[in-house]
N, C-alpha and C. Protein backbone atom coordinates (compact mmCIF):
# COMPACT_ATOMS: atom_id res chain seq x y z
N MET A 1 0.84 -1.18 0.00
CA MET A 1 0.00 0.00 0.00
C MET A 1 0.88 1.24 0.00
N ASP A 2 0.40 2.24 -0.64
CA ASP A 2 1.12 3.51 -0.72
C ASP A 2 0.90 4.29 0.57
N PRO A 3 1.97 4.68 1.28
CA PRO A 3 1.79 5.40 2.55
C PRO A 3 1.17 6.78 2.38
N VAL A 4 1.27 7.35 1.19
CA VAL A 4 0.69 8.68 0.95
C VAL A 4 -0.83 8.62 1.03
N SER A 5 -1.42 7.53 0.59
CA SER A 5 -2.88 7.42 0.60
C SER A 5 -3.44 7.28 2.01
N LYS A 6 -2.61 6.98 2.99
CA LYS A 6 -3.06 6.82 4.37
C LYS A 6 -3.06 8.13 5.16
N VAL A 7 -2.59 9.21 4.56
CA VAL A 7 -2.53 10.49 5.26
C VAL A 7 -3.96 11.02 5.43
N PRO A 8 -4.39 11.27 6.66
CA PRO A 8 -5.75 11.77 6.86
C PRO A 8 -5.89 13.21 6.38
N ARG A 9 -7.10 13.54 5.96
CA ARG A 9 -7.36 14.92 5.55
C ARG A 9 -7.28 15.85 6.74
N LYS A 10 -6.87 17.05 6.49
CA LYS A 10 -6.81 18.05 7.54
C LYS A 10 -8.22 18.58 7.79
N ARG A 11 -8.62 18.62 9.02
CA ARG A 11 -9.95 19.09 9.40
C ARG A 11 -9.96 20.61 9.45
N THR A 12 -10.95 21.22 8.84
CA THR A 12 -11.09 22.68 8.88
C THR A 12 -12.42 23.04 9.50
N ALA A 13 -12.61 24.31 9.73
CA ALA A 13 -13.85 24.80 10.34
C ALA A 13 -15.02 24.59 9.39
N ASN A 14 -16.19 24.33 9.95
CA ASN A 14 -17.40 24.20 9.15
C ASN A 14 -17.74 25.54 8.52
N TYR A 15 -18.46 25.49 7.41
CA TYR A 15 -18.88 26.71 6.74
C TYR A 15 -20.04 27.33 7.52
N THR A 16 -19.94 28.62 7.78
CA THR A 16 -21.02 29.34 8.44
C THR A 16 -22.05 29.72 7.38
N ALA A 17 -23.22 30.13 7.83
CA ALA A 17 -24.25 30.58 6.89
C ALA A 17 -23.76 31.80 6.11
N GLU A 18 -22.99 32.64 6.76
CA GLU A 18 -22.45 33.83 6.10
C GLU A 18 -21.46 33.43 5.00
N GLU A 19 -20.64 32.44 5.26
CA GLU A 19 -19.68 31.97 4.25
C GLU A 19 -20.40 31.32 3.08
N LYS A 20 -21.43 30.55 3.36
CA LYS A 20 -22.21 29.93 2.28
C LYS A 20 -22.88 30.99 1.43
N SER A 21 -23.43 32.00 2.08
CA SER A 21 -24.08 33.09 1.36
C SER A 21 -23.07 33.84 0.48
N LEU A 22 -21.89 34.08 1.01
CA LEU A 22 -20.84 34.75 0.24
C LEU A 22 -20.45 33.91 -0.98
N LEU A 23 -20.30 32.61 -0.80
CA LEU A 23 -19.95 31.74 -1.92
C LEU A 23 -21.05 31.76 -2.99
N ILE A 24 -22.29 31.78 -2.58
CA ILE A 24 -23.41 31.85 -3.53
C ILE A 24 -23.35 33.15 -4.31
N GLN A 25 -23.10 34.26 -3.62
CA GLN A 25 -23.00 35.56 -4.30
C GLN A 25 -21.86 35.56 -5.32
N LEU A 26 -20.73 35.01 -4.94
CA LEU A 26 -19.58 34.97 -5.85
C LEU A 26 -19.87 34.08 -7.05
N MET A 27 -20.57 32.98 -6.84
CA MET A 27 -20.88 32.07 -7.94
C MET A 27 -21.90 32.68 -8.91
N LYS A 28 -22.77 33.54 -8.41
CA LYS A 28 -23.73 34.21 -9.30
C LYS A 28 -23.02 35.12 -10.28
N LYS A 29 -21.86 35.64 -9.88
CA LYS A 29 -21.08 36.51 -10.76
C LYS A 29 -20.31 35.71 -11.81
N ARG A 30 -20.21 34.42 -11.62
CA ARG A 30 -19.41 33.55 -12.49
C ARG A 30 -20.26 32.39 -13.03
N PRO A 31 -21.24 32.67 -13.89
CA PRO A 31 -22.11 31.59 -14.39
C PRO A 31 -21.37 30.55 -15.23
N PHE A 32 -20.21 30.92 -15.78
CA PHE A 32 -19.46 29.96 -16.60
C PHE A 32 -19.02 28.75 -15.79
N LEU A 33 -18.84 28.92 -14.48
CA LEU A 33 -18.40 27.80 -13.64
C LEU A 33 -19.45 26.70 -13.56
N LYS A 34 -20.70 27.01 -13.88
CA LYS A 34 -21.76 26.00 -13.87
C LYS A 34 -21.85 25.28 -15.22
N SER A 35 -21.10 25.74 -16.20
CA SER A 35 -21.12 25.17 -17.54
C SER A 35 -20.64 23.72 -17.51
N LYS A 36 -21.20 22.91 -18.38
CA LYS A 36 -20.82 21.50 -18.44
C LYS A 36 -19.76 21.25 -19.52
N LEU A 37 -19.24 22.29 -20.13
CA LEU A 37 -18.22 22.14 -21.15
C LEU A 37 -16.94 21.57 -20.54
N THR A 38 -16.30 20.67 -21.28
CA THR A 38 -15.09 20.02 -20.74
C THR A 38 -13.92 20.06 -21.72
N ASP A 39 -13.97 20.96 -22.70
CA ASP A 39 -12.83 21.05 -23.61
C ASP A 39 -11.68 21.78 -22.91
N GLY A 40 -10.52 21.76 -23.51
CA GLY A 40 -9.32 22.31 -22.88
C GLY A 40 -9.44 23.77 -22.49
N LYS A 41 -10.00 24.59 -23.39
CA LYS A 41 -10.14 26.02 -23.10
C LYS A 41 -11.11 26.25 -21.95
N SER A 42 -12.19 25.51 -21.93
CA SER A 42 -13.18 25.67 -20.86
C SER A 42 -12.61 25.26 -19.51
N ILE A 43 -11.85 24.19 -19.48
CA ILE A 43 -11.24 23.73 -18.23
C ILE A 43 -10.26 24.78 -17.72
N ALA A 44 -9.46 25.35 -18.63
CA ALA A 44 -8.50 26.38 -18.23
C ALA A 44 -9.23 27.62 -17.71
N ARG A 45 -10.31 28.00 -18.39
CA ARG A 45 -11.07 29.18 -17.95
C ARG A 45 -11.72 28.93 -16.58
N LYS A 46 -12.28 27.73 -16.39
CA LYS A 46 -12.89 27.41 -15.10
C LYS A 46 -11.85 27.44 -13.99
N LYS A 47 -10.67 26.92 -14.26
CA LYS A 47 -9.61 26.93 -13.26
C LYS A 47 -9.25 28.36 -12.88
N MET A 48 -9.13 29.23 -13.89
CA MET A 48 -8.82 30.63 -13.64
C MET A 48 -9.94 31.31 -12.83
N GLU A 49 -11.19 31.03 -13.20
CA GLU A 49 -12.31 31.65 -12.51
C GLU A 49 -12.43 31.14 -11.07
N TRP A 50 -12.12 29.87 -10.83
CA TRP A 50 -12.13 29.35 -9.46
C TRP A 50 -11.07 30.04 -8.62
N GLU A 51 -9.92 30.34 -9.22
CA GLU A 51 -8.87 31.06 -8.50
C GLU A 51 -9.34 32.46 -8.13
N ILE A 52 -10.07 33.10 -9.04
CA ILE A 52 -10.62 34.44 -8.76
C ILE A 52 -11.63 34.36 -7.63
N VAL A 53 -12.52 33.37 -7.68
CA VAL A 53 -13.52 33.19 -6.62
C VAL A 53 -12.81 32.98 -5.28
N THR A 54 -11.76 32.19 -5.27
CA THR A 54 -11.01 31.93 -4.04
C THR A 54 -10.40 33.21 -3.49
N ARG A 55 -9.79 34.00 -4.37
CA ARG A 55 -9.20 35.27 -3.91
C ARG A 55 -10.26 36.21 -3.35
N GLU A 56 -11.40 36.32 -4.04
CA GLU A 56 -12.48 37.20 -3.57
C GLU A 56 -13.05 36.69 -2.25
N PHE A 57 -13.20 35.40 -2.12
CA PHE A 57 -13.73 34.81 -0.89
C PHE A 57 -12.78 35.09 0.28
N ASN A 58 -11.50 34.84 0.08
CA ASN A 58 -10.51 35.01 1.15
C ASN A 58 -10.19 36.46 1.45
N ARG A 59 -10.60 37.36 0.60
CA ARG A 59 -10.36 38.79 0.82
C ARG A 59 -11.17 39.32 2.01
N HIS A 60 -12.26 38.67 2.32
CA HIS A 60 -13.09 39.10 3.44
C HIS A 60 -12.42 38.71 4.76
N SER A 61 -12.41 39.63 5.69
CA SER A 61 -11.66 39.41 6.93
C SER A 61 -12.42 38.58 7.97
N HIS A 62 -13.72 38.48 7.86
CA HIS A 62 -14.54 37.82 8.88
C HIS A 62 -14.80 36.34 8.59
N ILE A 63 -14.06 35.77 7.68
CA ILE A 63 -14.28 34.36 7.32
C ILE A 63 -13.01 33.56 7.49
N TYR A 64 -13.17 32.24 7.54
CA TYR A 64 -12.04 31.32 7.60
C TYR A 64 -11.47 31.19 6.19
N LYS A 65 -10.18 31.29 6.04
CA LYS A 65 -9.54 31.22 4.72
C LYS A 65 -9.63 29.80 4.17
N ARG A 66 -10.03 29.70 2.91
CA ARG A 66 -10.21 28.40 2.24
C ARG A 66 -9.38 28.35 0.97
N ASP A 67 -9.03 27.14 0.56
CA ASP A 67 -8.34 27.00 -0.72
C ASP A 67 -9.37 26.68 -1.81
N THR A 68 -8.91 26.68 -3.04
CA THR A 68 -9.81 26.49 -4.18
C THR A 68 -10.52 25.14 -4.12
N LEU A 69 -9.80 24.10 -3.79
CA LEU A 69 -10.41 22.77 -3.73
C LEU A 69 -11.52 22.71 -2.69
N ALA A 70 -11.31 23.34 -1.55
CA ALA A 70 -12.33 23.33 -0.49
C ALA A 70 -13.58 24.09 -0.93
N LEU A 71 -13.40 25.23 -1.60
CA LEU A 71 -14.55 26.00 -2.07
C LEU A 71 -15.31 25.25 -3.15
N LYS A 72 -14.57 24.61 -4.03
CA LYS A 72 -15.19 23.83 -5.11
C LYS A 72 -16.02 22.69 -4.53
N ARG A 73 -15.45 22.00 -3.56
CA ARG A 73 -16.14 20.88 -2.91
C ARG A 73 -17.39 21.39 -2.16
N ALA A 74 -17.27 22.53 -1.49
CA ALA A 74 -18.41 23.10 -0.77
C ALA A 74 -19.52 23.46 -1.75
N TRP A 75 -19.16 24.05 -2.89
CA TRP A 75 -20.16 24.42 -3.89
C TRP A 75 -20.87 23.19 -4.44
N GLU A 76 -20.11 22.14 -4.73
CA GLU A 76 -20.71 20.91 -5.23
C GLU A 76 -21.67 20.31 -4.21
N ASN A 77 -21.29 20.31 -2.95
CA ASN A 77 -22.15 19.79 -1.89
C ASN A 77 -23.41 20.63 -1.74
N MET A 78 -23.26 21.95 -1.77
CA MET A 78 -24.43 22.82 -1.64
C MET A 78 -25.37 22.62 -2.82
N SER A 79 -24.83 22.49 -4.02
CA SER A 79 -25.65 22.29 -5.22
C SER A 79 -26.40 20.96 -5.14
N ARG A 80 -25.70 19.92 -4.72
CA ARG A 80 -26.32 18.60 -4.60
C ARG A 80 -27.44 18.62 -3.57
N ARG A 81 -27.19 19.24 -2.44
CA ARG A 81 -28.21 19.30 -1.38
C ARG A 81 -29.41 20.15 -1.79
N SER A 82 -29.20 21.16 -2.62
CA SER A 82 -30.32 21.99 -3.05
C SER A 82 -31.24 21.23 -4.00
N ARG A 83 -30.70 20.24 -4.71
CA ARG A 83 -31.52 19.45 -5.63
C ARG A 83 -32.22 18.29 -4.94
N ALA A 84 -31.80 17.92 -3.76
CA ALA A 84 -32.35 16.75 -3.07
C ALA A 84 -33.85 16.85 -2.81
N PRO A 85 -34.38 17.99 -2.33
CA PRO A 85 -35.83 18.03 -2.09
C PRO A 85 -36.65 17.78 -3.35
N ARG A 86 -36.18 18.22 -4.50
CA ARG A 86 -36.92 17.99 -5.74
C ARG A 86 -36.92 16.52 -6.13
N ARG A 87 -35.84 15.81 -5.82
CA ARG A 87 -35.79 14.38 -6.14
C ARG A 87 -36.81 13.60 -5.32
N ASN A 88 -37.11 14.08 -4.13
CA ASN A 88 -38.01 13.36 -3.24
C ASN A 88 -39.48 13.71 -3.45
N LEU A 89 -39.77 14.70 -4.27
CA LEU A 89 -41.15 15.06 -4.53
C LEU A 89 -41.81 14.01 -5.41
N PRO A 90 -43.10 13.73 -5.15
CA PRO A 90 -43.80 12.79 -6.03
C PRO A 90 -43.96 13.39 -7.42
N ARG A 91 -43.82 12.56 -8.42
CA ARG A 91 -43.97 13.04 -9.80
C ARG A 91 -45.43 12.92 -10.21
N THR A 92 -46.02 14.05 -10.52
CA THR A 92 -47.42 14.07 -10.96
C THR A 92 -47.53 14.91 -12.22
N ASP A 93 -48.54 14.61 -13.00
CA ASP A 93 -48.76 15.38 -14.22
C ASP A 93 -49.50 16.68 -13.93
N ILE A 94 -50.30 16.70 -12.87
CA ILE A 94 -51.11 17.88 -12.60
C ILE A 94 -50.45 18.83 -11.60
N GLY A 95 -49.44 18.40 -10.91
CA GLY A 95 -48.69 19.27 -10.03
C GLY A 95 -49.41 19.72 -8.78
N ASP A 96 -50.35 18.92 -8.27
CA ASP A 96 -51.08 19.33 -7.07
C ASP A 96 -50.52 18.66 -5.81
N SER A 97 -49.25 18.46 -5.77
CA SER A 97 -48.61 17.83 -4.62
C SER A 97 -48.64 18.77 -3.42
N ASN A 98 -48.94 18.24 -2.25
CA ASN A 98 -48.98 19.06 -1.04
C ASN A 98 -47.61 19.21 -0.39
N THR A 99 -46.64 18.49 -0.88
CA THR A 99 -45.31 18.61 -0.30
C THR A 99 -44.51 19.65 -1.07
N ALA A 100 -43.91 20.55 -0.35
CA ALA A 100 -43.10 21.60 -0.97
C ALA A 100 -41.73 21.59 -0.33
N PRO A 101 -40.70 21.87 -1.10
CA PRO A 101 -39.37 21.91 -0.51
C PRO A 101 -39.26 23.04 0.50
N THR A 102 -38.50 22.80 1.53
CA THR A 102 -38.33 23.83 2.55
C THR A 102 -37.45 24.95 2.01
N PRO A 103 -37.89 26.19 2.20
CA PRO A 103 -37.06 27.31 1.72
C PRO A 103 -35.85 27.47 2.62
N ASP A 104 -34.69 27.42 2.03
CA ASP A 104 -33.46 27.61 2.78
C ASP A 104 -32.39 28.12 1.84
N ILE A 105 -31.19 27.92 2.19
CA ILE A 105 -30.07 28.41 1.38
C ILE A 105 -30.02 27.69 0.04
N GLY A 106 -30.62 26.52 -0.04
CA GLY A 106 -30.62 25.76 -1.28
C GLY A 106 -31.32 26.46 -2.42
N THR A 107 -32.36 27.23 -2.13
CA THR A 107 -33.06 27.95 -3.18
C THR A 107 -32.17 29.01 -3.79
N LYS A 108 -31.25 29.56 -3.01
CA LYS A 108 -30.34 30.57 -3.53
C LYS A 108 -29.30 29.94 -4.44
N VAL A 109 -28.95 28.69 -4.19
CA VAL A 109 -27.94 28.01 -4.99
C VAL A 109 -28.46 27.79 -6.40
N GLU A 110 -29.74 27.49 -6.54
CA GLU A 110 -30.32 27.18 -7.83
C GLU A 110 -30.44 28.39 -8.73
N GLU A 111 -30.51 29.58 -8.18
CA GLU A 111 -30.75 30.78 -8.98
C GLU A 111 -29.64 31.11 -9.90
């Protein structure tokens, strides 16, 4: 076994609601990051834009400093969790379901 793979991840502070809100605001300014394009130019542009998001995020003094990988992972988790309530809704043709997703930070992620 490779000893490098046994190194545990470093634990960081949990994201506060303020940090999540800031990340959402920054992502709204960068819609290209949500693009599904995977060609070389798009990947390079996404990498550059993630670096910009990281710099803007870390520029704020009242937050825990994060690296690009951590912000990317947080965004993916927030996006996945925002879609979860819709997956659990019953599928109907008439749309008269009484269950509605709870309004939270997830609705801001989808916008």
